[in-house]
Amino acid sequence: MKLYIAGINHFDPSCRTNLINWLEELSNENVNYPDFIAPE
């Protein structure tokens, strides 16, 4: 199991876009569904 941690600044509007892009990249690289997702 791999664990990825995304730290973002809630007051920076570009963080939302960067986070979405990063999650899409992870989705494209991995064929399995994640074992765990934890929203803040």
PDB file of N, CA and C in Angstrom:
ATOM      1  N   MET A   1       0.847  -1.181   0.000  1.00  0.00           N
ATOM      2  CA  MET A   1       0.000   0.000   0.000  1.00  0.00           C
ATOM      3  C   MET A   1       0.887   1.237   0.000  1.00  0.00           C
ATOM      4  N   LYS A   2       0.550   2.169  -0.851  1.00  0.00           N
ATOM      5  CA  LYS A   2       1.260   3.440  -0.912  1.00  0.00           C
ATOM      6  C   LYS A   2       0.410   4.500  -0.240  1.00  0.00           C
ATOM      7  N   LEU A   3       1.067   5.418   0.425  1.00  0.00           N
ATOM      8  CA  LEU A   3       0.387   6.511   1.105  1.00  0.00           C
ATOM      9  C   LEU A   3       0.860   7.816   0.486  1.00  0.00           C
ATOM     10  N   TYR A   4      -0.072   8.616   0.025  1.00  0.00           N
ATOM     11  CA  TYR A   4       0.235   9.917  -0.545  1.00  0.00           C
ATOM     12  C   TYR A   4      -0.406  10.977   0.338  1.00  0.00           C
ATOM     13  N   ILE A   5       0.342  12.022   0.632  1.00  0.00           N
ATOM     14  CA  ILE A   5      -0.167  13.108   1.472  1.00  0.00           C
ATOM     15  C   ILE A   5      -0.062  14.404   0.677  1.00  0.00           C
ATOM     16  N   ALA A   6      -1.156  15.111   0.580  1.00  0.00           N
ATOM     17  CA  ALA A   6      -1.182  16.382  -0.141  1.00  0.00           C
ATOM     18  C   ALA A   6      -1.386  17.509   0.862  1.00  0.00           C
ATOM     19  N   GLY A   7      -0.408  18.344   0.978  1.00  0.00           N
ATOM     20  CA  GLY A   7      -0.536  19.524   1.818  1.00  0.00           C
ATOM     21  C   GLY A   7      -0.883  20.720   0.947  1.00  0.00           C
ATOM     22  N   ILE A   8      -1.947  21.403   1.290  1.00  0.00           N
ATOM     23  CA  ILE A   8      -2.356  22.545   0.479  1.00  0.00           C
ATOM     24  C   ILE A   8      -2.564  23.770   1.356  1.00  0.00           C
ATOM     25  N   ASN A   9      -2.523  24.914   0.734  1.00  0.00           N
ATOM     26  CA  ASN A   9      -2.815  26.173   1.393  1.00  0.00           C
ATOM     27  C   ASN A   9      -4.244  26.556   1.004  1.00  0.00           C
ATOM     28  N   HIS A  10      -5.131  26.589   1.965  1.00  0.00           N
ATOM     29  CA  HIS A  10      -6.544  26.839   1.685  1.00  0.00           C
ATOM     30  C   HIS A  10      -6.812  28.242   1.150  1.00  0.00           C
ATOM     31  N   PHE A  11      -5.877  29.150   1.333  1.00  0.00           N
ATOM     32  CA  PHE A  11      -6.081  30.525   0.889  1.00  0.00           C
ATOM     33  C   PHE A  11      -5.466  30.793  -0.479  1.00  0.00           C
ATOM     34  N   ASP A  12      -4.852  29.777  -1.087  1.00  0.00           N
ATOM     35  CA  ASP A  12      -4.250  29.911  -2.413  1.00  0.00           C
ATOM     36  C   ASP A  12      -5.176  29.271  -3.439  1.00  0.00           C
ATOM     37  N   PRO A  13      -5.798  30.052  -4.316  1.00  0.00           N
ATOM     38  CA  PRO A  13      -6.753  29.498  -5.281  1.00  0.00           C
ATOM     39  C   PRO A  13      -6.144  28.470  -6.230  1.00  0.00           C
ATOM     40  N   SER A  14      -4.853  28.534  -6.495  1.00  0.00           N
ATOM     41  CA  SER A  14      -4.235  27.600  -7.427  1.00  0.00           C
ATOM     42  C   SER A  14      -4.071  26.204  -6.823  1.00  0.00           C
ATOM     43  N   CYS A  15      -4.136  26.076  -5.505  1.00  0.00           N
ATOM     44  CA  CYS A  15      -3.964  24.768  -4.864  1.00  0.00           C
ATOM     45  C   CYS A  15      -5.067  23.796  -5.255  1.00  0.00           C
ATOM     46  N   ARG A  16      -6.278  24.275  -5.423  1.00  0.00           N
ATOM     47  CA  ARG A  16      -7.378  23.388  -5.809  1.00  0.00           C
ATOM     48  C   ARG A  16      -7.104  22.764  -7.175  1.00  0.00           C
ATOM     49  N   THR A  17      -6.692  23.589  -8.132  1.00  0.00           N
ATOM     50  CA  THR A  17      -6.391  23.095  -9.471  1.00  0.00           C
ATOM     51  C   THR A  17      -5.212  22.133  -9.442  1.00  0.00           C
ATOM     52  N   ASN A  18      -4.168  22.479  -8.693  1.00  0.00           N
ATOM     53  CA  ASN A  18      -2.997  21.613  -8.592  1.00  0.00           C
ATOM     54  C   ASN A  18      -3.358  20.275  -7.964  1.00  0.00           C
ATOM     55  N   LEU A  19      -4.206  20.288  -6.950  1.00  0.00           N
ATOM     56  CA  LEU A  19      -4.620  19.061  -6.288  1.00  0.00           C
ATOM     57  C   LEU A  19      -5.423  18.170  -7.239  1.00  0.00           C
ATOM     58  N   ILE A  20      -6.340  18.761  -7.979  1.00  0.00           N
ATOM     59  CA  ILE A  20      -7.136  17.993  -8.943  1.00  0.00           C
ATOM     60  C   ILE A  20      -6.231  17.372 -10.007  1.00  0.00           C
ATOM     61  N   ASN A  21      -5.284  18.138 -10.517  1.00  0.00           N
ATOM     62  CA  ASN A  21      -4.353  17.617 -11.530  1.00  0.00           C
ATOM     63  C   ASN A  21      -3.527  16.474 -10.967  1.00  0.00           C
ATOM     64  N   TRP A  22      -3.047  16.608  -9.748  1.00  0.00           N
ATOM     65  CA  TRP A  22      -2.242  15.570  -9.117  1.00  0.00           C
ATOM     66  C   TRP A  22      -3.051  14.293  -8.917  1.00  0.00           C
ATOM     67  N   LEU A  23      -4.283  14.422  -8.461  1.00  0.00           N
ATOM     68  CA  LEU A  23      -5.136  13.252  -8.272  1.00  0.00           C
ATOM     69  C   LEU A  23      -5.439  12.567  -9.606  1.00  0.00           C
ATOM     70  N   GLU A  24      -5.637  13.338 -10.656  1.00  0.00           N
ATOM     71  CA  GLU A  24      -5.862  12.754 -11.978  1.00  0.00           C
ATOM     72  C   GLU A  24      -4.626  11.998 -12.460  1.00  0.00           C
ATOM     73  N   GLU A  25      -3.438  12.545 -12.206  1.00  0.00           N
ATOM     74  CA  GLU A  25      -2.202  11.857 -12.580  1.00  0.00           C
ATOM     75  C   GLU A  25      -2.070  10.541 -11.822  1.00  0.00           C
ATOM     76  N   LEU A  26      -2.359  10.557 -10.534  1.00  0.00           N
ATOM     77  CA  LEU A  26      -2.306   9.329  -9.736  1.00  0.00           C
ATOM     78  C   LEU A  26      -3.309   8.304 -10.264  1.00  0.00           C
ATOM     79  N   SER A  27      -4.474   8.769 -10.640  1.00  0.00           N
ATOM     80  CA  SER A  27      -5.498   7.874 -11.164  1.00  0.00           C
ATOM     81  C   SER A  27      -5.044   7.229 -12.469  1.00  0.00           C
ATOM     82  N   ASN A  28      -4.391   7.995 -13.314  1.00  0.00           N
ATOM     83  CA  ASN A  28      -3.919   7.466 -14.592  1.00  0.00           C
ATOM     84  C   ASN A  28      -2.764   6.484 -14.420  1.00  0.00           C
ATOM     85  N   GLU A  29      -1.953   6.665 -13.378  1.00  0.00           N
ATOM     86  CA  GLU A  29      -0.792   5.805 -13.140  1.00  0.00           C
ATOM     87  C   GLU A  29      -1.158   4.483 -12.472  1.00  0.00           C
ATOM     88  N   ASN A  30      -2.282   4.436 -11.767  1.00  0.00           N
ATOM     89  CA  ASN A  30      -2.651   3.261 -10.987  1.00  0.00           C
ATOM     90  C   ASN A  30      -3.921   2.636 -11.530  1.00  0.00           C
ATOM     91  N   VAL A  31      -3.928   1.314 -11.624  1.00  0.00           N
ATOM     92  CA  VAL A  31      -5.093   0.624 -12.160  1.00  0.00           C
ATOM     93  C   VAL A  31      -6.075   0.205 -11.066  1.00  0.00           C
ATOM     94  N   ASN A  32      -5.636   0.174  -9.824  1.00  0.00           N
ATOM     95  CA  ASN A  32      -6.501  -0.240  -8.717  1.00  0.00           C
ATOM     96  C   ASN A  32      -7.124   0.960  -8.024  1.00  0.00           C
ATOM     97  N   TYR A  33      -8.261   0.715  -7.413  1.00  0.00           N
ATOM     98  CA  TYR A  33      -8.877   1.759  -6.610  1.00  0.00           C
ATOM     99  C   TYR A  33      -8.074   1.951  -5.334  1.00  0.00           C
ATOM    100  N   PRO A  34      -8.109   3.155  -4.752  1.00  0.00           N
ATOM    101  CA  PRO A  34      -7.380   3.369  -3.504  1.00  0.00           C
ATOM    102  C   PRO A  34      -7.984   2.551  -2.363  1.00  0.00           C
ATOM    103  N   ASP A  35      -7.150   2.181  -1.412  1.00  0.00           N
ATOM    104  CA  ASP A  35      -7.623   1.456  -0.233  1.00  0.00           C
ATOM    105  C   ASP A  35      -8.274   2.398   0.774  1.00  0.00           C
ATOM    106  N   PHE A  36      -7.890   3.641   0.735  1.00  0.00           N
ATOM    107  CA  PHE A  36      -8.358   4.574   1.763  1.00  0.00           C
ATOM    108  C   PHE A  36      -8.254   5.982   1.231  1.00  0.00           C
ATOM    109  N   ILE A  37      -9.269   6.798   1.500  1.00  0.00           N
ATOM    110  CA  ILE A  37      -9.237   8.219   1.176  1.00  0.00           C
ATOM    111  C   ILE A  37      -9.699   8.977   2.409  1.00  0.00           C
ATOM    112  N   ALA A  38      -8.946   9.995   2.804  1.00  0.00           N
ATOM    113  CA  ALA A  38      -9.298  10.768   3.998  1.00  0.00           C
ATOM    114  C   ALA A  38      -9.416  12.230   3.643  1.00  0.00           C
ATOM    115  N   PRO A  39     -10.614  12.762   3.611  1.00  0.00           N
ATOM    116  CA  PRO A  39     -10.764  14.195   3.390  1.00  0.00           C
ATOM    117  C   PRO A  39     -10.448  14.956   4.670  1.00  0.00           C
ATOM    118  N   GLU A  40     -10.059  16.174   4.498  1.00  0.00           N
ATOM    119  CA  GLU A  40      -9.724  16.990   5.674  1.00  0.00           C
ATOM    120  C   GLU A  40     -10.973  17.441   6.377  1.00  0.00           C
TER     121      GLU A  40
END
